[in-house]
Amino acid sequence: MPRVVEVRPENFPFDSNLFQSAFWARFKKRRGYQTQTFWIDYQGRTSPLVLVHRPCAENAGFGYIPHGPDIDLPPEQHGPFLEKVSERIRSSLPDGCRFLRYDLPWPSPYGQGEEGGAEACRPPEPRIRELRMNFGCRRWNLHKAPTDMQAPDTVLLDLNQPASRILSDMHKKARYCVRSAFRRGVRIEREGPELLPDWHRLYAQMAERKGIAFESLEYFDALFAAARGRQPRIRLYAAFRNSELLAGSIFAFHAPSSQATYLFSASSAEGRKQTAAYAILWKAMMDAKVDGCRWFDFFGIPPADRPEHPMHGLYRFKTRFGGDIRRMRGCWDYPFDEQMYSMLALSSSTKDAYHLSQKR
């Protein structure tokens, strides 16, 4: 049985999982969420468990565990382990917590990479997935969530290789765009939070144009404030031509714990013309490498190279930099109140993993 103890987040060691860290708990508290933090010890392996309480109905909510629990286990142990952890922490949860939603960091058993094309990436229907996840459980109580909170697929690039190799492994279009931006006089600067208002205007305009739900300026102020003087380092890279802000991206550098994560990006029409976003990513990747990061996580792509997907451009952009596509299990729910679960689970799924606006 796993040993699970509720602890203060400042007692966590910082590791490479951004969303299961003391930083993420601090950030969510700044955003007004109630959080709980636990420590799991299972078969000699340990991991923090950051739980963010989110409302989904009057006097009812759920506990969201982003990218956790981060303990490496064989697939046949996933379901029984989640059941045991859920039952262990049940008595420590607020009265209104009706279910837990795990946004799992574990690889999907239904295909990795691009082998076999788009059809190989498509998992079976939820009923079949639930049968497999619940095998070995006592309660058979795990449900595939109606939607994923974050995109379960990403691209991971190994930075532990020469820069020349990283560049040569990129798609020729990406190499051309990086070089073209610098030839045209695009300048990349690392900026502080004082640039956030200008960057946020670009971000909001881009999101409205693409029909994507977007965060407020206060969200980003809290993100930088939660990391001030601590791990991870939240960095804003901006692209300028002369004095014009063309584009900007926000990253989390987890060095020396091994990973950097690409979080948010925005670009103006002129920035797209000057391919500024490509130059920003190249600069951030090289800085992460110098800082000691082993991996660069592009954080979220559509499930396959399908032009009909509304976020196909994101897939094309991120996969052009090389790296390996990683497919995760996505979100799974563990209800404590089965009678209310169906209604509450649907009401908790107000936007999809790509944060597409309801206006689309």
Protein backbone atom coordinates (compact mmCIF):
# COMPACT_ATOMS: atom_id res chain seq x y z
CA MET A 1 0.00 0.00 0.00
CA PRO A 2 1.24 3.52 -0.72
CA ARG A 3 2.05 5.69 2.27
CA VAL A 4 0.44 9.12 1.77
CA VAL A 5 1.03 12.00 4.19
CA GLU A 6 -0.29 15.56 3.93
CA VAL A 7 2.64 18.01 4.09
CA ARG A 8 3.44 21.68 3.58
CA PRO A 9 4.58 22.34 -0.01
CA GLU A 10 7.76 24.13 1.07
CA ASN A 11 8.98 20.72 2.27
CA PHE A 12 9.01 19.43 -1.32
CA PRO A 13 12.31 19.06 -3.14
CA PHE A 14 11.95 20.68 -6.56
CA ASP A 15 12.12 18.19 -9.41
CA SER A 16 11.44 18.29 -13.13
CA ASN A 17 7.64 18.13 -12.85
CA LEU A 18 6.54 21.76 -12.96
CA PHE A 19 2.91 21.01 -12.07
CA GLN A 20 3.70 18.77 -9.09
CA SER A 21 5.88 21.28 -7.27
CA ALA A 22 5.75 23.75 -4.40
CA PHE A 23 5.87 26.50 -7.03
CA TRP A 24 2.63 25.34 -8.65
CA ALA A 25 0.89 25.12 -5.28
CA ARG A 26 2.03 28.71 -4.47
CA PHE A 27 0.90 29.96 -7.85
CA LYS A 28 -2.56 28.42 -7.56
CA LYS A 29 -2.99 29.86 -4.06
CA ARG A 30 -2.19 33.30 -5.47
CA ARG A 31 -4.95 32.69 -8.00
CA GLY A 32 -7.45 32.07 -5.20
CA TYR A 33 -7.63 28.28 -5.33
CA GLN A 34 -7.57 26.03 -2.27
CA THR A 35 -4.71 23.57 -2.61
CA GLN A 36 -3.52 20.51 -0.72
CA THR A 37 -0.12 18.88 -0.92
CA PHE A 38 0.74 15.30 -0.03
CA TRP A 39 3.84 13.11 -0.07
CA ILE A 40 3.59 9.60 -1.53
CA ASP A 41 5.97 6.76 -0.69
CA TYR A 42 5.37 3.58 -2.69
CA GLN A 43 7.70 0.61 -3.10
CA GLY A 44 10.75 2.76 -2.44
CA ARG A 45 9.66 5.50 -4.86
CA THR A 46 8.50 8.91 -3.69
CA SER A 47 6.60 11.80 -5.23
CA PRO A 48 4.74 14.94 -4.21
CA LEU A 49 1.03 15.16 -4.97
CA VAL A 50 -0.31 18.66 -5.61
CA LEU A 51 -4.10 18.85 -5.57
CA VAL A 52 -5.99 21.97 -6.70
CA HIS A 53 -9.63 22.24 -5.64
CA ARG A 54 -11.93 23.51 -8.38
CA PRO A 55 -15.65 24.28 -8.16
CA CYS A 56 -18.09 22.59 -10.56
CA ALA A 57 -21.50 23.20 -8.92
CA GLU A 58 -22.96 24.93 -5.88
CA ASN A 59 -21.33 23.47 -2.75
CA ALA A 60 -19.54 20.86 -4.87
CA GLY A 61 -16.15 20.63 -6.47
CA PHE A 62 -13.38 18.28 -7.49
CA GLY A 63 -9.70 17.87 -6.77
CA TYR A 64 -7.53 18.32 -9.84
CA ILE A 65 -4.08 16.68 -9.86
CA PRO A 66 -2.11 18.17 -12.79
CA HIS A 67 0.44 15.77 -14.31
CA GLY A 68 0.47 13.58 -11.23
CA PRO A 69 1.11 11.38 -9.40
CA ASP A 70 4.60 11.24 -10.87
CA ILE A 71 5.73 7.76 -9.84
CA ASP A 72 6.93 5.52 -12.64
CA LEU A 73 4.89 2.30 -12.68
CA PRO A 74 4.12 -0.43 -15.24
CA PRO A 75 0.73 0.12 -16.96
CA GLU A 76 -0.96 -2.81 -15.18
CA GLN A 77 -0.38 -1.06 -11.84
CA HIS A 78 -1.78 2.34 -12.84
CA GLY A 79 -5.42 1.73 -11.91
CA PRO A 80 -4.88 -0.10 -8.59
CA PHE A 81 -2.32 2.54 -7.55
CA LEU A 82 -4.71 5.43 -8.28
CA GLU A 83 -7.50 3.67 -6.39
CA LYS A 84 -5.28 3.20 -3.33
CA VAL A 85 -4.04 6.80 -3.38
CA SER A 86 -7.59 8.15 -3.78
CA GLU A 87 -8.91 6.15 -0.85
CA ARG A 88 -5.89 7.10 1.28
CA ILE A 89 -6.44 10.85 0.89
CA ARG A 90 -10.26 10.74 0.90
CA SER A 91 -10.60 11.54 4.61
CA SER A 92 -8.30 14.58 4.24
CA LEU A 93 -10.37 16.25 1.51
CA PRO A 94 -12.97 19.00 2.05
CA ASP A 95 -16.59 17.88 2.42
CA GLY A 96 -17.59 19.26 -0.97
CA CYS A 97 -14.95 17.34 -2.94
CA ARG A 98 -17.02 14.86 -4.97
CA PHE A 99 -14.30 13.35 -7.15
CA LEU A 100 -10.62 13.49 -8.04
CA ARG A 101 -9.39 14.20 -11.55
CA TYR A 102 -5.91 12.89 -12.34
CA ASP A 103 -4.22 14.48 -15.37
CA LEU A 104 -1.80 11.60 -15.72
CA PRO A 105 1.89 11.92 -16.67
CA TRP A 106 2.10 8.26 -17.72
CA PRO A 107 2.58 7.16 -21.34
CA SER A 108 -0.53 6.01 -23.16
CA PRO A 109 -0.61 2.27 -23.94
CA TYR A 110 -2.27 3.06 -27.28
CA GLY A 111 0.65 4.12 -29.45
CA GLN A 112 3.62 6.46 -29.26
CA GLY A 113 5.28 8.56 -31.92
CA GLU A 114 3.87 8.80 -35.43
CA GLU A 115 4.18 5.18 -36.53
CA GLY A 116 1.08 4.02 -38.34
CA GLY A 117 -0.23 7.50 -39.02
CA ALA A 118 -3.27 9.18 -37.49
CA GLU A 119 -5.30 6.03 -36.95
CA ALA A 120 -2.57 4.48 -34.77
CA CYS A 121 -2.86 7.48 -32.41
CA ARG A 122 -6.59 7.05 -31.86
CA PRO A 123 -7.29 5.13 -28.61
CA PRO A 124 -10.27 2.77 -28.30
CA GLU A 125 -13.61 3.97 -26.94
CA PRO A 126 -13.71 5.01 -23.25
CA ARG A 127 -15.48 1.80 -22.14
CA ILE A 128 -12.59 -0.34 -23.38
CA ARG A 129 -10.03 2.00 -21.84
CA GLU A 130 -11.87 1.90 -18.51
CA LEU A 131 -11.90 -1.91 -18.50
CA ARG A 132 -8.15 -1.92 -18.92
CA MET A 133 -7.50 0.82 -16.34
CA ASN A 134 -9.70 -0.80 -13.68
CA PHE A 135 -8.23 -4.29 -14.06
CA GLY A 136 -6.93 -5.33 -10.64
CA CYS A 137 -8.93 -2.65 -8.79
CA ARG A 138 -11.26 -3.54 -5.92
CA ARG A 139 -13.91 -0.91 -6.67
CA TRP A 140 -13.67 -0.55 -10.48
CA ASN A 141 -14.33 3.13 -9.97
CA LEU A 142 -12.01 4.89 -12.44
CA HIS A 143 -13.68 6.74 -15.32
CA LYS A 144 -12.17 8.38 -18.39
CA ALA A 145 -12.92 12.07 -17.93
CA PRO A 146 -15.33 13.68 -20.45
CA THR A 147 -12.49 15.90 -21.64
CA ASP A 148 -8.80 16.40 -20.95
CA MET A 149 -7.82 19.49 -18.98
CA GLN A 150 -4.53 19.79 -20.88
CA ALA A 151 -3.49 18.31 -24.21
CA PRO A 152 -2.19 14.80 -23.39
CA ASP A 153 0.30 14.81 -26.28
CA THR A 154 3.55 16.74 -26.40
CA VAL A 155 6.99 16.88 -27.98
CA LEU A 156 10.14 16.31 -25.91
CA LEU A 157 13.50 17.39 -27.29
CA ASP A 158 16.76 15.99 -25.87
CA LEU A 159 19.08 18.95 -25.23
CA ASN A 160 22.00 16.71 -24.26
CA GLN A 161 23.50 16.82 -27.74
CA PRO A 162 25.49 19.41 -29.71
CA ALA A 163 23.60 22.49 -30.90
CA SER A 164 24.70 21.65 -34.45
CA ARG A 165 22.95 18.27 -34.16
CA ILE A 166 19.76 19.85 -32.81
CA LEU A 167 19.76 22.29 -35.71
CA SER A 168 20.43 19.59 -38.33
CA ASP A 169 17.61 17.40 -36.93
CA MET A 170 15.06 20.21 -37.27
CA HIS A 171 12.73 20.35 -40.25
CA LYS A 172 14.30 22.38 -43.03
CA LYS A 173 11.43 24.91 -42.78
CA ALA A 174 12.25 25.54 -39.10
CA ARG A 175 15.97 26.02 -39.87
CA TYR A 176 15.10 28.45 -42.63
CA CYS A 177 12.74 30.43 -40.38
CA VAL A 178 15.28 30.71 -37.54
CA ARG A 179 18.03 31.91 -39.86
CA SER A 180 15.68 34.19 -41.79
CA ALA A 181 14.53 35.97 -38.62
CA PHE A 182 18.09 36.77 -37.55
CA ARG A 183 19.08 37.84 -41.08
CA ARG A 184 16.18 40.30 -41.09
CA GLY A 185 17.42 41.94 -37.93
CA VAL A 186 15.11 40.32 -35.37
CA ARG A 187 16.63 40.71 -31.89
CA ILE A 188 15.78 38.34 -29.02
CA GLU A 189 15.90 39.71 -25.48
CA ARG A 190 15.17 38.12 -22.12
CA GLU A 191 12.74 40.46 -20.36
CA GLY A 192 11.30 40.78 -16.88
CA PRO A 193 7.67 41.04 -15.78
CA GLU A 194 7.65 44.77 -16.57
CA LEU A 195 7.10 43.83 -20.24
CA LEU A 196 4.03 41.73 -19.41
CA PRO A 197 1.41 44.44 -20.20
CA ASP A 198 2.83 44.93 -23.72
CA TRP A 199 3.18 41.19 -24.25
CA HIS A 200 -0.33 40.53 -22.95
CA ARG A 201 -1.84 42.85 -25.56
CA LEU A 202 -0.26 40.71 -28.29
CA TYR A 203 -1.39 37.54 -26.53
CA ALA A 204 -5.01 38.69 -26.15
CA GLN A 205 -5.22 39.87 -29.77
CA MET A 206 -3.81 36.57 -31.05
CA ALA A 207 -6.17 34.51 -28.87
CA GLU A 208 -9.23 36.44 -30.01
CA ARG A 209 -8.17 36.06 -33.63
CA LYS A 210 -7.78 32.28 -33.24
CA GLY A 211 -10.84 31.74 -31.04
CA ILE A 212 -8.83 30.58 -28.02
CA ALA A 213 -9.76 31.28 -24.40
CA PHE A 214 -6.97 33.30 -22.79
CA GLU A 215 -5.73 34.24 -19.33
CA SER A 216 -5.82 37.69 -17.76
CA LEU A 217 -2.78 39.87 -17.16
CA GLU A 218 -3.20 39.17 -13.44
CA TYR A 219 -2.64 35.47 -14.16
CA PHE A 220 0.83 36.18 -15.54
CA ASP A 221 1.67 38.65 -12.77
CA ALA A 222 0.92 35.86 -10.28
CA LEU A 223 2.97 33.34 -12.28
CA PHE A 224 6.09 35.53 -12.13
CA ALA A 225 5.49 36.50 -8.51
CA ALA A 226 5.18 32.86 -7.37
CA ALA A 227 8.60 32.08 -8.89
CA ARG A 228 10.42 35.20 -7.70
CA GLY A 229 13.76 34.19 -6.18
CA ARG A 230 12.94 30.46 -6.32
CA GLN A 231 12.80 27.49 -8.66
CA PRO A 232 11.69 27.31 -11.40
CA ARG A 233 12.84 30.39 -13.26
CA ILE A 234 9.95 31.85 -15.26
CA ARG A 235 11.34 33.65 -18.27
CA LEU A 236 9.84 35.92 -20.90
CA TYR A 237 11.70 36.06 -24.20
CA ALA A 238 10.73 38.86 -26.56
CA ALA A 239 11.50 39.47 -30.23
CA PHE A 240 12.06 43.03 -31.43
CA ARG A 241 12.84 44.60 -34.75
CA ASN A 242 14.18 48.06 -34.14
CA SER A 243 11.95 49.08 -31.21
CA GLU A 244 8.82 47.14 -32.27
CA LEU A 245 7.70 44.17 -30.16
CA LEU A 246 7.03 41.38 -32.64
CA ALA A 247 6.48 38.33 -30.44
CA GLY A 248 7.07 36.91 -27.00
CA SER A 249 7.04 33.54 -25.25
CA ILE A 250 7.03 32.43 -21.61
CA PHE A 251 9.06 29.44 -20.43
CA ALA A 252 9.78 27.68 -17.15
CA PHE A 253 13.41 26.62 -16.69
CA HIS A 254 13.70 23.83 -14.13
CA ALA A 255 17.50 23.53 -14.16
CA PRO A 256 19.37 21.88 -12.62
CA SER A 257 16.46 19.44 -12.34
CA SER A 258 16.52 18.57 -16.02
CA GLN A 259 13.65 20.20 -17.90
CA ALA A 260 12.43 23.41 -19.52
CA THR A 261 8.77 23.91 -20.48
CA TYR A 262 7.27 26.10 -23.19
CA LEU A 263 4.16 27.66 -21.65
CA PHE A 264 2.69 30.62 -23.58
CA SER A 265 3.38 32.48 -26.79
CA ALA A 266 2.08 35.47 -28.74
CA SER A 267 2.97 37.08 -32.04
CA SER A 268 1.83 40.08 -34.05
CA ALA A 269 1.10 39.97 -37.79
CA GLU A 270 4.52 41.49 -38.44
CA GLY A 271 6.08 38.97 -36.07
CA ARG A 272 4.62 36.10 -38.07
CA LYS A 273 5.93 37.67 -41.25
CA GLN A 274 9.41 37.94 -39.73
CA THR A 275 9.20 34.36 -38.28
CA ALA A 276 10.08 35.80 -34.87
CA ALA A 277 8.56 32.90 -32.89
CA TYR A 278 11.08 30.50 -34.45
CA ALA A 279 14.00 32.69 -33.35
CA ILE A 280 12.59 32.94 -29.82
CA LEU A 281 12.30 29.16 -29.48
CA TRP A 282 15.81 28.61 -30.77
CA LYS A 283 17.23 31.15 -28.28
CA ALA A 284 15.23 29.62 -25.38
CA MET A 285 16.33 26.09 -26.28
CA MET A 286 19.99 27.10 -26.37
CA ASP A 287 19.72 28.99 -23.06
CA ALA A 288 18.02 25.99 -21.44
CA LYS A 289 20.85 23.79 -22.68
CA VAL A 290 23.47 26.14 -21.18
CA ASP A 291 21.54 26.23 -17.89
CA GLY A 292 21.78 22.46 -17.60
CA CYS A 293 18.30 21.39 -18.72
CA ARG A 294 18.30 17.92 -20.28
CA TRP A 295 14.84 18.09 -21.88
CA PHE A 296 12.78 20.75 -23.60
CA ASP A 297 9.02 20.13 -23.33
CA PHE A 298 6.98 21.86 -26.04
CA PHE A 299 3.87 21.24 -23.90
CA GLY A 300 0.85 20.32 -25.90
CA ILE A 301 0.11 19.36 -29.49
CA PRO A 302 -2.96 17.92 -31.26
CA PRO A 303 -3.03 14.09 -31.37
CA ALA A 304 -1.99 13.75 -35.02
CA ASP A 305 -1.00 15.63 -38.15
CA ARG A 306 -4.58 16.26 -39.29
CA PRO A 307 -5.11 19.50 -41.27
CA GLU A 308 -8.78 19.58 -40.23
CA HIS A 309 -7.88 19.97 -36.55
CA PRO A 310 -8.41 23.62 -35.45
CA MET A 311 -4.94 23.60 -33.81
CA HIS A 312 -3.13 21.94 -36.70
CA GLY A 313 -0.83 24.96 -37.03
CA LEU A 314 0.39 24.35 -33.48
CA TYR A 315 1.20 20.73 -34.33
CA ARG A 316 3.13 21.76 -37.42
CA PHE A 317 5.05 24.53 -35.61
CA LYS A 318 6.14 22.49 -32.59
CA THR A 319 7.05 19.27 -34.40
CA ARG A 320 9.31 21.15 -36.83
CA PHE A 321 11.92 21.57 -34.09
CA GLY A 322 12.59 17.84 -33.86
CA GLY A 323 12.27 15.73 -30.74
CA ASP A 324 9.98 12.82 -29.97
CA ILE A 325 6.20 12.87 -29.73
CA ARG A 326 4.98 11.60 -26.35
CA ARG A 327 1.37 10.53 -25.79
CA MET A 328 0.01 10.45 -22.25
CA ARG A 329 -3.08 8.82 -20.72
CA GLY A 330 -4.97 12.10 -20.25
CA CYS A 331 -7.51 12.79 -17.49
CA TRP A 332 -9.10 10.10 -15.31
CA ASP A 333 -11.73 10.60 -12.61
CA TYR A 334 -12.20 8.81 -9.31
CA PRO A 335 -15.71 9.63 -7.95
CA PHE A 336 -16.60 9.62 -4.26
CA ASP A 337 -20.26 10.31 -5.04
CA GLU A 338 -21.36 8.10 -7.94
CA GLN A 339 -24.93 9.46 -8.00
CA MET A 340 -23.77 13.02 -8.62
CA TYR A 341 -20.69 12.19 -10.67
CA SER A 342 -22.12 12.23 -14.22
CA MET A 343 -23.66 15.68 -13.83
CA LEU A 344 -20.65 17.14 -12.02
CA ALA A 345 -18.10 15.70 -14.45
CA LEU A 346 -19.84 17.32 -17.41
CA SER A 347 -20.13 20.68 -15.64
CA SER A 348 -16.41 20.55 -14.82
CA SER A 349 -15.53 20.29 -18.54
CA THR A 350 -16.24 23.85 -19.68
CA LYS A 351 -13.37 23.98 -22.17
CA ASP A 352 -11.31 21.43 -24.03
CA ALA A 353 -7.60 20.71 -23.76
CA TYR A 354 -6.77 23.29 -26.45
CA HIS A 355 -8.80 26.05 -24.66
CA LEU A 356 -10.86 26.73 -27.76
CA SER A 357 -13.42 29.46 -27.19
CA GLN A 358 -17.11 28.53 -27.02
CA LYS A 359 -17.67 31.03 -29.84
CA ARG A 360 -16.12 28.68 -32.39
